Amino acid sequence: MSVNVIYKTSATATGGRDGSAKSDDGSVDVKLVVPKEMGGPGGVGANPEKLFAAGYSACFLGAMKAVSGKESVKVPDDATVTATIGFGPRDAGGYGITADLQIAMPGVDRADAERLVHAAHEVCPYSNATRGNVDVGLTVV
């Protein structure tokens, strides 16, 4: 697979799931906390799943906007994408994640919204990165 890279960024984590992570330009600087459900103390802080949910939801909404012209469906200004990321042990060993995206497009016909969502799923970088590896659910609400 070949990608013509037009943008790069980086972030560095220290301390693992109960440390911190910071982007190379400092615009992202988060404290990481292991959730209680995963045996940690919980409390205020992010974790890789929260960061993935934020990134996937933003990227997917961007993909919807990118394909909206081709699909002749305008994405309303108040459209939202909520990504719910699950974490747990895999039957084959190790751990895996799931992703469920809930897409709200107020005022848009459901069939048009679903057509746009499926087109966006084909071009979204997160969707392409997870395809075949992560169960991704798409629901227009």
Protein backbone atom coordinates (compact mmCIF):
# COMPACT_ATOMS: atom_id res chain seq x y z
CA MET A 1 0.00 0.00 0.00
CA SER A 2 1.28 3.42 -0.91
CA VAL A 3 0.27 6.74 0.61
CA ASN A 4 1.26 10.12 -0.82
CA VAL A 5 1.82 11.83 2.53
CA ILE A 6 0.82 15.52 2.55
CA TYR A 7 0.91 16.09 6.32
CA LYS A 8 2.75 14.56 9.25
CA THR A 9 2.60 15.12 12.98
CA SER A 10 3.85 13.29 16.01
CA ALA A 11 3.14 12.85 19.68
CA THR A 12 5.17 11.33 22.48
CA ALA A 13 3.81 9.36 25.40
CA THR A 14 5.61 8.76 28.67
CA GLY A 15 4.50 6.45 31.45
CA GLY A 16 2.13 4.37 29.29
CA ARG A 17 -1.57 4.37 30.12
CA ASP A 18 -1.00 6.26 33.38
CA GLY A 19 1.43 8.87 32.17
CA SER A 20 1.06 11.69 29.68
CA ALA A 21 1.09 12.39 25.97
CA LYS A 22 2.04 15.55 24.12
CA SER A 23 2.04 16.51 20.46
CA ASP A 24 5.20 17.80 18.83
CA ASP A 25 3.82 21.36 18.70
CA GLY A 26 2.31 21.27 22.22
CA SER A 27 -1.28 21.80 21.04
CA VAL A 28 -2.22 18.44 22.56
CA ASP A 29 -0.97 17.85 26.08
CA VAL A 30 -2.94 15.29 28.06
CA LYS A 31 -2.68 13.45 31.34
CA LEU A 32 -3.40 9.75 30.88
CA VAL A 33 -5.34 7.72 33.43
CA VAL A 34 -6.22 4.02 33.43
CA PRO A 35 -10.02 3.62 33.79
CA LYS A 36 -11.37 1.72 36.80
CA GLU A 37 -12.87 -0.85 34.40
CA MET A 38 -9.33 -1.68 33.31
CA GLY A 39 -7.95 -1.97 36.84
CA GLY A 40 -6.75 1.61 37.19
CA PRO A 41 -7.65 4.42 39.55
CA GLY A 42 -9.93 6.19 37.07
CA GLY A 43 -10.49 9.88 37.58
CA VAL A 44 -9.72 12.90 35.47
CA GLY A 45 -7.58 12.19 32.44
CA ALA A 46 -7.63 10.76 28.97
CA ASN A 47 -6.77 7.32 27.69
CA PRO A 48 -5.95 5.95 24.23
CA GLU A 49 -9.58 4.98 23.64
CA LYS A 50 -10.84 8.52 24.39
CA LEU A 51 -8.22 9.97 22.09
CA PHE A 52 -9.13 7.50 19.34
CA ALA A 53 -12.85 8.36 19.75
CA ALA A 54 -12.12 12.08 19.42
CA GLY A 55 -9.92 11.57 16.37
CA TYR A 56 -12.26 9.15 14.59
CA SER A 57 -15.37 11.28 15.15
CA ALA A 58 -13.67 14.44 13.86
CA CYS A 59 -12.09 12.67 10.90
CA PHE A 60 -15.35 10.96 9.93
CA LEU A 61 -17.27 14.25 9.96
CA GLY A 62 -14.53 15.70 7.77
CA ALA A 63 -14.90 12.76 5.37
CA MET A 64 -18.66 13.39 5.23
CA LYS A 65 -18.01 16.99 4.24
CA ALA A 66 -15.42 15.90 1.67
CA VAL A 67 -17.86 13.61 -0.17
CA SER A 68 -20.98 15.74 0.31
CA GLY A 69 -20.67 17.46 -3.07
CA LYS A 70 -20.25 14.21 -4.96
CA GLU A 71 -23.22 12.71 -3.11
CA SER A 72 -25.33 15.89 -3.48
CA VAL A 73 -26.07 15.93 0.25
CA LYS A 74 -25.28 19.08 2.25
CA VAL A 75 -23.86 18.38 5.70
CA PRO A 76 -25.70 20.70 8.10
CA ASP A 77 -23.66 22.93 10.39
CA ASP A 78 -25.09 21.15 13.44
CA ALA A 79 -24.22 17.64 12.20
CA THR A 80 -22.42 15.50 14.78
CA VAL A 81 -20.52 12.24 14.85
CA THR A 82 -20.17 10.45 18.18
CA ALA A 83 -17.61 7.65 18.27
CA THR A 84 -17.92 5.06 21.03
CA ILE A 85 -14.78 2.96 21.35
CA GLY A 86 -14.84 -0.37 23.18
CA PHE A 87 -11.80 -2.19 24.59
CA GLY A 88 -11.45 -5.79 25.67
CA PRO A 89 -9.76 -9.16 25.30
CA ARG A 90 -9.92 -10.89 21.91
CA ASP A 91 -10.90 -14.54 21.49
CA ALA A 92 -7.61 -15.03 19.61
CA GLY A 93 -5.60 -13.51 22.48
CA GLY A 94 -4.40 -10.03 23.22
CA TYR A 95 -6.73 -7.06 23.23
CA GLY A 96 -8.85 -5.36 20.61
CA ILE A 97 -11.16 -2.44 20.11
CA THR A 98 -14.58 -1.85 18.60
CA ALA A 99 -15.95 1.37 17.17
CA ASP A 100 -19.54 2.51 16.88
CA LEU A 101 -20.26 5.78 15.10
CA GLN A 102 -23.57 7.56 15.64
CA ILE A 103 -24.19 10.21 13.02
CA ALA A 104 -26.78 12.97 13.45
CA MET A 105 -27.69 15.11 10.45
CA PRO A 106 -30.69 17.22 11.48
CA GLY A 107 -33.00 18.10 8.61
CA VAL A 108 -31.45 15.61 6.17
CA ASP A 109 -33.53 12.81 4.67
CA ARG A 110 -32.52 9.49 6.30
CA ALA A 111 -31.80 7.74 2.97
CA ASP A 112 -29.60 10.65 1.86
CA ALA A 113 -27.81 10.68 5.22
CA GLU A 114 -27.16 6.93 5.07
CA ARG A 115 -25.84 7.19 1.50
CA LEU A 116 -23.48 9.98 2.58
CA VAL A 117 -22.33 8.05 5.66
CA HIS A 118 -21.47 4.96 3.62
CA ALA A 119 -19.58 7.06 1.06
CA ALA A 120 -17.66 8.77 3.88
CA HIS A 121 -16.80 5.37 5.38
CA GLU A 122 -15.06 4.47 2.11
CA VAL A 123 -12.76 7.53 2.17
CA CYS A 124 -12.23 8.29 5.88
CA PRO A 125 -8.60 7.53 6.85
CA TYR A 126 -9.68 6.09 10.21
CA SER A 127 -12.22 3.83 8.49
CA ASN A 128 -9.58 2.70 6.02
CA ALA A 129 -7.06 2.09 8.82
CA THR A 130 -9.52 -0.04 10.79
CA ARG A 131 -11.20 -1.89 7.90
CA GLY A 132 -10.84 -5.64 8.37
CA ASN A 133 -9.29 -5.19 11.83
CA VAL A 134 -11.96 -3.45 13.92
CA ASP A 135 -15.71 -3.99 14.02
CA VAL A 136 -17.14 -0.58 13.07
CA GLY A 137 -20.84 0.14 13.40
CA LEU A 138 -22.47 3.03 11.54
CA THR A 139 -25.82 4.36 12.76
CA VAL A 140 -27.68 7.40 11.48
CA VAL A 141 -29.74 8.77 14.36
